[in-house]
N, C-alpha and C. Protein backbone atom coordinates (compact mmCIF):
# COMPACT_ATOMS: atom_id res chain seq x y z
N MET A 1 79.46 90.48 92.42
CA MET A 1 80.30 90.93 93.07
C MET A 1 81.50 89.18 94.15
N LYS A 2 82.47 88.95 94.51
CA LYS A 2 82.69 88.31 95.47
C LYS A 2 83.19 88.75 96.60
N ASN A 3 82.96 87.72 97.92
CA ASN A 3 83.38 88.06 98.88
C ASN A 3 84.21 87.49 99.41
N TRP A 4 84.98 87.70 100.68
CA TRP A 4 86.20 87.03 101.10
C TRP A 4 86.28 85.44 101.13
N SER A 5 84.92 85.09 101.34
CA SER A 5 85.23 83.83 101.69
C SER A 5 85.41 83.12 100.09
N ASP A 6 84.69 83.69 99.15
CA ASP A 6 85.16 83.28 97.38
C ASP A 6 86.57 83.47 97.04
N ALA A 7 86.74 84.88 97.40
CA ALA A 7 87.91 85.64 97.17
C ALA A 7 89.46 84.91 97.80
N LEU A 8 89.44 84.20 99.46
CA LEU A 8 90.25 83.81 99.91
C LEU A 8 89.87 82.36 100.25
N GLY A 9 89.24 81.98 100.07
CA GLY A 9 88.85 80.45 100.06
C GLY A 9 89.94 79.18 100.02
N PRO A 10 90.02 79.45 98.41
CA PRO A 10 91.24 78.59 97.63
C PRO A 10 92.05 79.17 98.34
N GLU A 11 92.54 79.80 98.45
CA GLU A 11 94.11 80.47 98.96
C GLU A 11 94.34 79.72 100.41
N LYS A 12 93.25 79.66 101.49
CA LYS A 12 93.54 78.78 102.54
C LYS A 12 93.43 77.73 102.31
N GLU A 13 93.37 76.79 101.13
CA GLU A 13 93.16 75.35 101.05
C GLU A 13 94.72 75.16 100.43
N GLN A 14 95.58 76.37 100.63
CA GLN A 14 97.16 76.27 99.69
C GLN A 14 97.67 76.02 101.23
N PRO A 15 99.35 74.82 100.48
CA PRO A 15 100.10 74.56 101.63
C PRO A 15 100.40 75.17 102.19
N TYR A 16 101.30 76.43 102.27
CA TYR A 16 101.94 77.30 102.60
C TYR A 16 100.86 77.88 104.02
N PHE A 17 99.60 78.10 103.62
CA PHE A 17 98.51 78.83 103.87
C PHE A 17 98.97 77.67 105.28
N LYS A 18 97.84 76.66 105.29
CA LYS A 18 97.53 75.47 106.48
C LYS A 18 99.12 75.14 107.26
N GLU A 19 100.34 75.32 106.62
CA GLU A 19 101.56 75.17 107.23
C GLU A 19 101.36 76.22 108.13
N CYS A 20 101.35 77.79 107.92
CA CYS A 20 101.49 78.53 108.40
C CYS A 20 100.69 79.06 109.92
N TRP A 21 99.09 78.41 109.46
CA TRP A 21 97.96 78.73 110.48
C TRP A 21 98.46 77.22 111.22
N ASN A 22 99.01 76.65 110.92
CA ASN A 22 98.84 74.92 111.97
C ASN A 22 100.33 75.55 112.90
N LYS A 23 101.34 76.19 112.41
CA LYS A 23 102.53 76.75 113.30
C LYS A 23 102.24 77.60 114.36
N VAL A 24 101.30 78.28 114.21
CA VAL A 24 100.83 79.33 114.86
C VAL A 24 100.13 78.38 116.35
N LYS A 25 98.82 77.97 115.73
CA LYS A 25 98.47 76.68 116.51
C LYS A 25 99.38 76.13 117.37
N SER A 26 100.48 75.35 117.03
CA SER A 26 101.42 74.95 118.11
C SER A 26 102.30 75.48 118.54
N GLU A 27 102.12 76.63 117.90
CA GLU A 27 103.26 77.61 119.52
C GLU A 27 102.33 77.96 120.71
N ARG A 28 101.31 77.92 120.13
CA ARG A 28 100.59 78.37 121.54
C ARG A 28 100.24 77.13 122.60
N ALA A 29 99.92 76.18 121.21
CA ALA A 29 99.85 74.39 122.75
C ALA A 29 101.27 74.75 122.94
N GLU A 30 102.51 74.90 122.81
CA GLU A 30 103.73 74.80 123.12
C GLU A 30 103.84 76.00 124.48
N GLY A 31 103.09 76.81 124.60
CA GLY A 31 103.13 77.75 125.42
C GLY A 31 103.17 78.95 125.26
N LYS A 32 103.32 78.98 123.84
CA LYS A 32 103.89 80.59 123.51
C LYS A 32 103.30 81.63 123.59
N THR A 33 103.46 82.73 123.91
CA THR A 33 101.98 84.20 124.04
C THR A 33 101.90 84.73 122.25
N ILE A 34 101.26 84.11 121.63
CA ILE A 34 100.90 85.02 120.82
C ILE A 34 99.41 85.91 120.54
N TYR A 35 99.48 86.91 119.72
CA TYR A 35 98.89 87.92 119.57
C TYR A 35 98.39 88.10 117.72
N PRO A 36 96.69 88.87 117.47
CA PRO A 36 96.04 88.26 118.66
C PRO A 36 95.66 87.26 119.02
N SER A 37 94.59 86.95 119.55
CA SER A 37 93.77 85.91 119.96
C SER A 37 93.72 84.54 118.40
N GLN A 38 93.31 83.45 118.84
CA GLN A 38 93.11 83.06 116.98
C GLN A 38 92.15 83.21 116.67
N SER A 39 90.75 83.50 117.35
CA SER A 39 89.73 83.73 117.17
C SER A 39 89.57 85.26 116.38
N ASP A 40 90.68 85.99 116.93
CA ASP A 40 90.96 87.30 116.35
C ASP A 40 91.59 87.65 114.89
N ILE A 41 92.20 86.91 114.53
CA ILE A 41 93.24 86.77 113.63
C ILE A 41 93.00 87.04 112.18
N CYS A 42 92.03 86.98 112.11
CA CYS A 42 90.83 87.66 110.64
C CYS A 42 89.96 88.51 110.39
N ASN A 43 90.06 89.37 111.59
CA ASN A 43 89.27 90.16 112.37
C ASN A 43 88.79 91.29 110.84
N ALA A 44 90.22 91.63 110.53
CA ALA A 44 89.99 92.74 109.02
C ALA A 44 88.81 92.29 108.15
N PHE A 45 88.90 91.07 107.81
CA PHE A 45 88.05 90.60 106.57
C PHE A 45 86.26 90.36 107.42
N LYS A 46 86.55 90.02 108.88
CA LYS A 46 85.09 89.64 109.42
C LYS A 46 84.17 90.92 109.11
N LEU A 47 84.78 91.81 109.63
CA LEU A 47 84.60 93.30 109.60
C LEU A 47 84.47 93.85 108.39
N THR A 48 84.98 93.94 107.32
CA THR A 48 84.85 94.92 106.29
C THR A 48 84.53 93.72 105.00
N GLU A 49 83.48 93.48 104.38
CA GLU A 49 83.25 92.41 103.36
C GLU A 49 84.16 93.08 102.41
N LEU A 50 84.67 92.15 101.11
CA LEU A 50 85.58 92.58 100.26
C LEU A 50 84.80 93.71 98.94
N SER A 51 83.17 93.55 99.15
CA SER A 51 82.47 94.13 98.19
C SER A 51 82.34 95.75 98.88
N ASP A 52 82.83 96.00 100.27
CA ASP A 52 82.27 97.12 101.18
C ASP A 52 83.82 97.72 101.01
N VAL A 53 84.70 97.58 100.83
CA VAL A 53 86.17 97.97 100.88
C VAL A 53 86.06 99.24 100.20
N LYS A 54 86.17 100.63 100.67
CA LYS A 54 86.28 101.86 100.39
C LYS A 54 87.62 102.20 100.22
N VAL A 55 88.38 102.30 101.71
CA VAL A 55 89.66 102.53 101.54
C VAL A 55 90.44 101.27 102.38
N VAL A 56 91.69 101.26 102.31
CA VAL A 56 92.66 100.14 103.14
C VAL A 56 93.76 100.94 103.59
N ILE A 57 93.73 100.67 104.63
CA ILE A 57 95.02 101.15 105.42
C ILE A 57 95.79 99.83 105.87
N LEU A 58 96.98 99.64 105.85
CA LEU A 58 97.95 99.02 105.85
C LEU A 58 98.86 99.09 107.02
N GLY A 59 99.07 98.03 107.86
CA GLY A 59 100.00 98.35 109.34
C GLY A 59 100.44 96.75 108.83
N GLN A 60 101.69 96.73 109.11
CA GLN A 60 103.16 95.87 109.73
C GLN A 60 102.13 94.67 110.10
N ASP A 61 102.96 94.13 111.20
CA ASP A 61 102.51 92.92 112.03
C ASP A 61 101.89 93.38 112.91
N PRO A 62 100.82 93.07 113.82
CA PRO A 62 100.22 93.16 115.31
C PRO A 62 101.46 93.93 116.66
N TYR A 63 100.28 94.55 117.09
CA TYR A 63 100.99 95.17 118.16
C TYR A 63 101.39 93.71 118.80
N PHE A 64 102.70 93.96 119.54
CA PHE A 64 103.07 92.78 120.27
C PHE A 64 102.88 92.66 121.74
N ASN A 65 102.24 93.47 122.25
CA ASN A 65 102.26 94.26 123.96
C ASN A 65 101.16 93.50 124.29
N PRO A 66 100.61 92.85 125.93
CA PRO A 66 99.26 92.29 126.31
C PRO A 66 98.10 93.25 125.64
N GLY A 67 97.37 92.70 125.42
CA GLY A 67 96.01 93.18 125.29
C GLY A 67 95.88 94.11 124.14
N GLU A 68 97.07 94.45 123.05
CA GLU A 68 96.69 95.57 122.21
C GLU A 68 95.83 94.82 120.80
N ALA A 69 96.51 93.81 120.49
CA ALA A 69 96.58 93.37 119.04
C ALA A 69 94.72 93.06 119.02
N HIS A 70 94.11 92.82 118.24
CA HIS A 70 92.84 92.55 117.63
C HIS A 70 92.23 91.84 116.38
N GLY A 71 93.80 92.15 115.67
CA GLY A 71 92.87 91.80 114.43
C GLY A 71 92.51 92.79 113.50
N LEU A 72 92.94 94.20 113.83
CA LEU A 72 92.88 95.45 113.03
C LEU A 72 93.96 96.09 112.65
N SER A 73 94.58 96.93 112.04
CA SER A 73 95.64 97.68 111.70
C SER A 73 95.27 98.62 112.51
N PHE A 74 96.47 99.39 113.77
CA PHE A 74 96.56 100.26 114.43
C PHE A 74 95.52 100.59 115.54
N SER A 75 94.73 99.38 115.56
CA SER A 75 93.70 99.69 116.81
C SER A 75 94.18 98.70 117.51
N VAL A 76 93.25 99.28 119.07
CA VAL A 76 93.30 98.29 120.25
C VAL A 76 91.95 98.26 121.21
N PRO A 77 91.74 97.64 121.48
CA PRO A 77 90.29 96.97 122.09
C PRO A 77 89.98 98.06 123.24
N HIS A 78 88.90 98.63 123.40
CA HIS A 78 88.71 99.30 124.07
C HIS A 78 89.01 99.42 125.65
N GLY A 79 89.64 100.20 126.88
CA GLY A 79 90.25 100.06 127.74
C GLY A 79 91.83 100.02 127.73
N VAL A 80 92.10 99.94 126.45
CA VAL A 80 93.71 99.54 126.67
C VAL A 80 94.51 101.06 125.79
N THR A 81 95.67 101.32 126.46
CA THR A 81 96.26 102.51 126.15
C THR A 81 96.41 103.03 124.97
N LEU A 82 96.72 103.78 124.21
CA LEU A 82 96.72 104.71 122.85
C LEU A 82 98.33 104.07 122.61
N PRO A 83 98.49 103.07 122.06
CA PRO A 83 100.01 103.10 121.29
C PRO A 83 100.51 104.62 120.54
N SER A 84 101.70 104.60 120.49
CA SER A 84 102.04 105.93 120.06
C SER A 84 101.59 106.48 118.66
N SER A 85 101.51 105.09 117.63
CA SER A 85 100.90 105.43 116.43
C SER A 85 99.77 106.15 116.11
N LEU A 86 98.97 105.22 116.75
CA LEU A 86 97.67 105.62 116.87
C LEU A 86 97.25 107.23 117.95
N GLU A 87 98.59 107.20 118.36
CA GLU A 87 98.33 108.86 119.01
C GLU A 87 98.38 109.69 117.88
N ASN A 88 99.48 109.69 116.97
CA ASN A 88 99.55 110.38 116.30
C ASN A 88 98.89 110.50 115.05
N ILE A 89 97.88 109.22 114.89
CA ILE A 89 97.00 109.04 113.62
C ILE A 89 95.74 110.27 114.53
N TYR A 90 95.34 110.03 115.83
CA TYR A 90 94.32 110.84 116.31
C TYR A 90 95.17 112.45 116.06
N GLN A 91 95.97 112.84 116.38
CA GLN A 91 96.82 114.07 115.99
C GLN A 91 96.19 114.20 114.99
N GLU A 92 96.51 113.57 113.82
CA GLU A 92 96.38 114.21 112.55
C GLU A 92 95.05 114.41 111.91
N LEU A 93 94.25 113.79 112.86
CA LEU A 93 92.98 113.84 112.28
C LEU A 93 92.04 114.76 112.87
N ALA A 94 92.71 115.13 113.98
CA ALA A 94 92.50 116.22 115.30
C ALA A 94 92.54 117.68 113.86
N SER A 95 93.31 117.59 113.30
CA SER A 95 94.25 118.69 112.63
C SER A 95 93.64 119.05 111.05
N ASP A 96 92.80 117.52 110.62
CA ASP A 96 92.47 117.80 109.30
C ASP A 96 91.11 117.33 109.47
N ILE A 97 90.38 117.03 110.13
CA ILE A 97 88.51 116.94 110.19
C ILE A 97 88.25 117.45 110.76
N LEU A 98 87.13 118.18 110.66
CA LEU A 98 86.72 119.22 111.31
C LEU A 98 85.55 118.48 112.63
N GLY A 99 85.68 118.31 113.82
CA GLY A 99 84.91 118.20 114.64
C GLY A 99 85.29 116.55 115.31
N PHE A 100 86.33 116.45 114.79
CA PHE A 100 87.10 115.22 115.55
C PHE A 100 88.04 115.85 116.98
N GLN A 101 87.86 115.63 117.79
CA GLN A 101 88.35 115.34 119.07
C GLN A 101 88.93 114.08 119.69
N LYS A 102 90.09 114.01 120.20
CA LYS A 102 90.71 113.00 120.29
C LYS A 102 89.78 112.02 121.38
N PRO A 103 90.04 110.53 120.90
CA PRO A 103 89.06 110.02 121.23
C PRO A 103 89.49 109.37 123.01
N THR A 104 89.07 109.20 123.77
CA THR A 104 89.47 108.31 124.95
C THR A 104 90.29 106.71 125.05
N ASN A 105 89.23 106.05 123.34
CA ASN A 105 89.67 104.90 123.23
C ASN A 105 90.45 104.83 121.84
N GLY A 106 90.76 103.39 121.71
CA GLY A 106 91.74 103.11 120.38
C GLY A 106 91.19 102.73 119.26
N ASN A 107 89.27 101.55 119.92
CA ASN A 107 88.86 100.65 119.17
C ASN A 107 88.19 101.31 117.76
N LEU A 108 88.92 100.80 116.62
CA LEU A 108 88.74 101.57 115.25
C LEU A 108 87.70 100.64 114.36
N GLU A 109 86.98 99.98 115.27
CA GLU A 109 85.69 99.03 113.94
C GLU A 109 85.07 99.99 113.18
N SER A 110 84.48 101.29 114.20
CA SER A 110 83.50 101.92 113.89
C SER A 110 84.23 102.29 112.07
N TRP A 111 85.21 102.19 112.05
CA TRP A 111 85.98 102.82 110.86
C TRP A 111 85.80 101.43 109.76
N ALA A 112 86.35 100.29 110.58
CA ALA A 112 85.98 98.98 109.82
C ALA A 112 84.60 98.69 109.42
N ARG A 113 83.51 98.83 109.89
CA ARG A 113 82.03 99.00 109.68
C ARG A 113 81.82 99.92 108.32
N GLN A 114 82.37 101.13 108.10
CA GLN A 114 82.12 101.46 107.19
C GLN A 114 82.95 101.16 105.86
N GLY A 115 83.56 100.58 105.53
CA GLY A 115 84.46 99.93 104.58
C GLY A 115 86.04 100.47 104.14
N VAL A 116 86.60 100.74 105.42
CA VAL A 116 88.11 100.69 106.01
C VAL A 116 88.35 99.44 106.13
N LEU A 117 89.44 98.91 105.72
CA LEU A 117 89.57 97.54 105.93
C LEU A 117 91.63 97.78 106.57
N LEU A 118 91.25 97.33 107.71
CA LEU A 118 92.41 97.81 108.59
C LEU A 118 93.06 96.44 108.56
N LEU A 119 94.34 95.84 107.46
CA LEU A 119 94.83 95.08 107.54
C LEU A 119 96.30 94.88 107.98
N ASN A 120 96.80 94.51 108.42
CA ASN A 120 98.05 93.96 108.65
C ASN A 120 98.68 92.98 107.99
N THR A 121 99.98 93.28 107.48
CA THR A 121 100.62 92.74 106.30
C THR A 121 100.88 91.33 106.70
N VAL A 122 101.04 91.00 108.63
CA VAL A 122 101.39 90.09 108.72
C VAL A 122 100.17 89.70 109.51
N LEU A 123 99.71 88.69 110.16
CA LEU A 123 98.69 88.53 110.70
C LEU A 123 98.92 88.33 112.45
N THR A 124 100.14 87.70 112.39
CA THR A 124 100.31 87.27 113.95
C THR A 124 101.89 87.34 114.78
N VAL A 125 101.59 87.80 116.01
CA VAL A 125 102.99 88.21 116.30
C VAL A 125 103.54 87.07 117.53
N GLU A 126 104.46 87.02 118.50
CA GLU A 126 104.65 86.36 119.45
C GLU A 126 105.32 87.57 120.04
N GLN A 127 104.72 87.33 121.46
CA GLN A 127 104.59 89.06 122.56
C GLN A 127 106.08 89.11 122.69
N GLY A 128 106.39 90.80 122.53
CA GLY A 128 107.26 91.13 122.49
C GLY A 128 108.65 91.25 121.74
N LYS A 129 108.27 90.26 120.78
CA LYS A 129 108.82 90.36 119.43
C LYS A 129 108.39 90.55 118.34
N PRO A 130 108.81 92.02 117.91
CA PRO A 130 108.08 92.33 116.51
C PRO A 130 108.58 91.50 115.69
N ASN A 131 108.01 91.37 114.60
CA ASN A 131 108.16 90.81 113.16
C ASN A 131 108.34 89.27 113.28
N SER A 132 108.40 88.77 114.45
CA SER A 132 108.84 87.36 114.56
C SER A 132 108.09 86.47 113.74
N HIS A 133 107.06 86.81 112.71
CA HIS A 133 106.12 85.64 112.33
C HIS A 133 106.08 86.26 110.93
N LYS A 134 107.13 87.20 110.69
CA LYS A 134 106.96 87.88 108.94
C LYS A 134 107.18 86.92 107.81
N ASP A 135 107.98 85.68 108.33
CA ASP A 135 108.44 84.39 107.34
C ASP A 135 107.99 83.62 107.77
N TYR A 136 106.21 84.03 108.49
CA TYR A 136 105.59 82.42 108.04
C TYR A 136 104.82 81.86 107.50
N GLY A 137 104.59 82.67 106.21
CA GLY A 137 103.64 83.18 105.13
C GLY A 137 102.39 83.61 105.14
N TRP A 138 102.02 84.55 106.08
CA TRP A 138 101.00 85.65 105.94
C TRP A 138 101.34 86.64 105.09
N VAL A 139 102.42 86.93 104.29
CA VAL A 139 102.72 88.26 103.76
C VAL A 139 102.23 87.67 102.21
N THR A 140 102.62 85.91 101.60
CA THR A 140 101.69 85.82 101.01
C THR A 140 100.29 85.75 100.86
N PHE A 141 99.73 85.48 102.04
CA PHE A 141 98.15 85.69 102.19
C PHE A 141 97.72 86.76 102.02
N THR A 142 98.14 87.92 102.69
CA THR A 142 97.45 89.26 102.61
C THR A 142 98.05 89.81 101.32
N ASP A 143 99.03 89.37 101.16
CA ASP A 143 99.42 90.27 99.27
C ASP A 143 98.10 89.61 98.38
N LYS A 144 97.72 89.01 98.42
CA LYS A 144 96.28 87.52 97.45
C LYS A 144 95.10 88.81 98.04
N ALA A 145 95.00 88.97 99.26
CA ALA A 145 93.95 90.34 99.76
C ALA A 145 93.64 91.51 99.27
N ILE A 146 94.92 91.91 99.00
CA ILE A 146 94.94 93.02 98.07
C ILE A 146 94.87 92.99 97.18
N SER A 147 95.31 92.35 96.41
CA SER A 147 95.16 91.71 94.77
C SER A 147 93.68 91.63 94.38
N GLU A 148 93.45 91.11 95.37
CA GLU A 148 91.59 91.00 95.33
C GLU A 148 90.64 92.09 95.38
N VAL A 149 91.47 92.95 96.10
CA VAL A 149 90.65 94.41 96.52
C VAL A 149 90.94 95.27 95.04
N ASN A 150 91.66 94.85 94.46
CA ASN A 150 92.13 95.33 93.08
C ASN A 150 91.69 95.28 92.35
N GLU A 151 91.46 94.08 92.08
CA GLU A 151 90.44 93.07 91.22
C GLU A 151 88.95 93.43 91.11
N HIS A 152 89.03 93.65 92.40
CA HIS A 152 87.25 93.53 92.31
C HIS A 152 86.61 94.59 92.87
N CYS A 153 87.47 95.49 93.57
CA CYS A 153 86.44 96.68 93.71
C CYS A 153 87.43 98.28 92.75
N GLU A 154 86.42 99.16 92.71
CA GLU A 154 86.97 99.96 92.26
C GLU A 154 86.77 101.56 93.21
N GLY A 155 87.85 102.03 92.49
CA GLY A 155 87.56 103.67 93.31
C GLY A 155 88.16 103.16 94.58
N VAL A 156 89.46 102.82 94.81
CA VAL A 156 89.41 102.32 96.28
C VAL A 156 90.51 103.20 96.46
N VAL A 157 91.02 103.80 97.80
CA VAL A 157 91.71 104.83 98.69
C VAL A 157 92.77 103.82 99.46
N PHE A 158 94.04 103.60 98.84
CA PHE A 158 95.06 102.80 99.49
C PHE A 158 96.30 103.96 100.03
N LEU A 159 96.04 103.98 102.01
CA LEU A 159 96.96 105.03 102.85
C LEU A 159 97.89 103.76 102.82
N LEU A 160 98.79 104.22 102.15
CA LEU A 160 100.40 104.02 102.14
C LEU A 160 101.64 104.52 103.26
N TRP A 161 101.83 104.08 104.43
CA TRP A 161 102.50 104.80 105.40
C TRP A 161 103.58 103.90 105.89
N GLY A 162 104.48 105.12 105.41
CA GLY A 162 105.76 103.92 105.69
C GLY A 162 106.32 102.97 104.48
N LYS A 163 107.77 102.58 104.63
CA LYS A 163 108.19 102.08 103.53
C LYS A 163 107.78 100.55 103.19
N LYS A 164 107.43 100.05 104.37
CA LYS A 164 107.15 98.46 104.03
C LYS A 164 105.96 98.29 103.29
N ALA A 165 104.81 98.99 103.72
CA ALA A 165 103.63 99.59 103.03
C ALA A 165 103.69 99.85 101.64
N GLN A 166 104.38 100.98 101.45
CA GLN A 166 104.91 100.99 99.90
C GLN A 166 104.98 100.08 99.16
N GLU A 167 105.61 99.11 99.72
CA GLU A 167 106.34 98.13 99.06
C GLU A 167 104.61 97.62 98.17
N LYS A 168 104.04 97.89 98.54
CA LYS A 168 102.68 97.07 98.18
C LYS A 168 102.19 97.70 96.56
N GLU A 169 102.89 99.17 96.62
CA GLU A 169 102.25 99.52 95.24
C GLU A 169 102.17 99.12 94.55
N SER A 170 103.41 98.09 93.96
CA SER A 170 103.03 97.37 92.85
C SER A 170 101.36 96.42 92.39
N LEU A 171 101.33 95.94 93.66
CA LEU A 171 99.79 95.22 93.25
C LEU A 171 98.74 96.35 93.27
N ILE A 172 98.93 97.20 93.56
CA ILE A 172 97.39 98.12 93.31
C ILE A 172 97.36 98.97 91.52
N ASN A 173 96.28 98.86 91.12
CA ASN A 173 96.48 99.51 89.70
C ASN A 173 96.33 100.98 90.04
N LYS A 174 96.78 102.35 89.27
CA LYS A 174 96.68 103.28 89.69
C LYS A 174 95.38 103.95 88.81
N GLN A 175 95.55 103.45 87.74
CA GLN A 175 94.22 103.75 87.22
C GLN A 175 92.81 103.78 87.51
N SER A 176 92.66 102.57 88.43
CA SER A 176 91.72 102.28 89.32
C SER A 176 91.08 102.77 90.55
N HIS A 177 92.63 103.27 91.08
CA HIS A 177 92.45 103.39 93.09
C HIS A 177 93.49 104.63 93.16
N LYS A 178 92.94 105.12 94.14
CA LYS A 178 93.93 105.97 94.54
C LYS A 178 95.03 105.43 95.85
N ILE A 179 96.02 106.30 95.37
CA ILE A 179 97.22 106.13 96.26
C ILE A 179 97.73 107.02 97.22
N LEU A 180 97.97 107.31 98.37
CA LEU A 180 98.16 108.37 99.22
C LEU A 180 99.32 107.54 99.84
N LYS A 181 100.71 108.39 99.90
CA LYS A 181 101.86 107.64 100.67
C LYS A 181 102.16 108.54 101.53
N THR A 182 102.90 108.38 102.44
CA THR A 182 103.86 109.41 103.95
C THR A 182 104.42 108.45 104.27
N SER A 183 104.79 109.39 105.38
CA SER A 183 105.57 108.61 106.56
C SER A 183 105.02 107.37 107.52
N HIS A 184 105.18 106.97 108.30
CA HIS A 184 104.83 105.57 109.22
C HIS A 184 104.13 106.59 110.11
N PRO A 185 103.18 106.45 110.75
CA PRO A 185 102.83 107.53 112.04
C PRO A 185 103.26 106.75 113.61
N SER A 186 104.45 105.99 113.38
CA SER A 186 104.97 105.55 114.81
C SER A 186 105.82 107.01 115.15
N GLY A 187 106.33 107.10 116.72
CA GLY A 187 107.34 107.98 116.55
C GLY A 187 107.80 108.93 116.57
N LYS A 188 108.83 109.30 115.90
CA LYS A 188 108.94 110.75 115.35
C LYS A 188 109.47 110.43 113.90
N SER A 189 109.05 108.68 113.15
CA SER A 189 108.35 108.97 111.68
C SER A 189 107.19 110.02 111.45
N ALA A 190 106.90 110.28 112.50
CA ALA A 190 105.72 110.48 111.60
C ALA A 190 105.82 112.53 111.89
N GLU A 191 107.02 112.48 112.03
CA GLU A 191 106.98 113.91 112.18
C GLU A 191 107.58 114.20 110.83
N ASN A 192 108.11 113.15 109.94
CA ASN A 192 108.85 113.52 108.32
C ASN A 192 107.65 113.29 107.49
N GLY A 193 106.63 113.44 108.25
CA GLY A 193 105.15 113.77 106.33
C GLY A 193 103.90 113.19 107.28
N PHE A 194 103.87 112.52 107.81
CA PHE A 194 102.56 111.97 108.66
C PHE A 194 101.31 113.13 109.05
N LEU A 195 102.50 113.51 109.98
CA LEU A 195 102.03 114.85 110.63
C LEU A 195 101.52 115.91 109.29
N GLY A 196 100.64 116.38 109.13
CA GLY A 196 100.30 117.39 108.20
C GLY A 196 100.06 116.93 106.80
N CYS A 197 99.94 115.40 106.69
CA CYS A 197 99.77 114.83 105.52
C CYS A 197 98.17 115.31 104.80
N LYS A 198 97.35 115.41 105.66
CA LYS A 198 95.59 115.25 105.64
C LYS A 198 95.29 114.17 104.63
N HIS A 199 95.76 113.16 104.76
CA HIS A 199 95.02 111.95 104.28
C HIS A 199 93.58 111.78 104.68
N PHE A 200 93.23 111.81 105.61
CA PHE A 200 91.51 111.69 106.07
C PHE A 200 90.73 112.23 105.18
N SER A 201 90.88 113.86 104.89
CA SER A 201 90.46 114.40 104.13
C SER A 201 90.15 114.18 103.16
N LYS A 202 91.28 113.93 102.18
CA LYS A 202 92.26 113.60 101.22
C LYS A 202 91.15 112.48 100.76
N THR A 203 90.96 111.35 101.64
CA THR A 203 90.73 110.46 101.06
C THR A 203 89.03 110.57 101.08
N ASN A 204 88.31 111.21 101.72
CA ASN A 204 87.21 111.49 101.82
C ASN A 204 86.66 112.36 100.47
N ASP A 205 87.51 113.51 100.28
CA ASP A 205 87.34 114.45 98.94
C ASP A 205 87.11 113.49 97.53
N PHE A 206 88.32 111.99 97.30
CA PHE A 206 88.19 111.37 96.79
C PHE A 206 87.00 110.26 96.60
N LEU A 207 86.22 109.82 97.48
CA LEU A 207 85.53 108.91 97.61
C LEU A 207 84.12 109.68 97.33
N ILE A 208 83.92 111.19 97.78
CA ILE A 208 82.61 112.08 97.35
C ILE A 208 83.22 111.91 95.75
N SER A 209 83.97 112.35 95.28
CA SER A 209 84.53 112.46 93.70
C SER A 209 83.84 111.44 92.73
N GLN A 210 84.09 109.60 93.66
CA GLN A 210 83.57 108.80 93.13
C GLN A 210 82.01 108.46 93.59
N ASN A 211 81.41 109.38 93.86
CA ASN A 211 79.52 109.35 94.40
C ASN A 211 79.80 108.26 95.53
N LYS A 212 81.28 108.36 96.11
CA LYS A 212 80.54 106.93 97.55
C LYS A 212 80.35 107.91 98.54
N THR A 213 80.07 107.44 99.59
CA THR A 213 79.73 107.83 100.88
C THR A 213 81.27 108.47 101.63
N PRO A 214 81.30 109.44 102.11
CA PRO A 214 82.88 109.26 102.54
C PRO A 214 82.64 108.82 104.58
N ILE A 215 83.71 108.84 104.71
CA ILE A 215 84.19 107.72 105.94
C ILE A 215 84.00 109.28 106.94
N ASP A 216 83.13 108.32 108.01
CA ASP A 216 82.70 109.24 109.33
C ASP A 216 84.20 108.87 110.38
N TRP A 217 84.96 109.96 110.25
CA TRP A 217 86.16 109.27 110.41
C TRP A 217 86.01 109.50 112.34
N THR A 218 85.07 110.70 112.25
CA THR A 218 84.77 110.98 114.14
C THR A 218 83.47 110.14 114.77
N SER A 219 83.25 108.67 113.96
CA SER A 219 82.61 107.86 114.91
C SER A 219 83.68 107.27 116.13
N VAL A 220 84.61 107.21 115.67
CA VAL A 220 85.29 106.80 117.38
C VAL A 220 85.74 107.60 118.19
N CYS A 221 84.90 108.57 117.70
CA CYS A 221 84.99 109.46 118.65
C CYS A 221 83.54 109.63 120.11
N ARG A 222 82.80 108.86 119.54
CA ARG A 222 81.46 108.61 120.15
C ARG A 222 81.41 107.25 121.08
């Protein structure tokens, strides 16, 4: 079984990736504030090895406000106010998963360590400017990561929330994996399908059917 180093190492040698990485570094050097920190850009891959992936939750680009982004989709570090999308995720969990009570923190690392790949399709953003790095080359890189999960893992649940995430459906073999789709959890979009979708219990039902250990979604409550 490949690990991320094997799967993405050659991709990092591609000219487009080096150009993207160096562009972000140079913009930091010029004084622009870019999130997350350079050391946190690839946290999703550090915390969830390719061979351990059970679930993929796709985000768009990182949070663009100070202190929020730390390299995991929808997650924020301890001590940071919950963004609206994460508030709605917790609201849905409270109605879907027995024993889930809204946590005071938004750090989802405990999910990542259980095999939930919390992947943004764009890995950096300039402060206060959403989608500012969408054309830097990150999408090519994260598409490769999704394709590697599709090819080398079995029975993965892909949670595709919102139009942007659902554009990745073509990269996924529906015969090998489970796809769950609904609206994005941010703001009013959450009321158009996300709230009430029961994706978390459905995810665990599928994992159990594949003889895999379900995700302890309540781990963020402790």
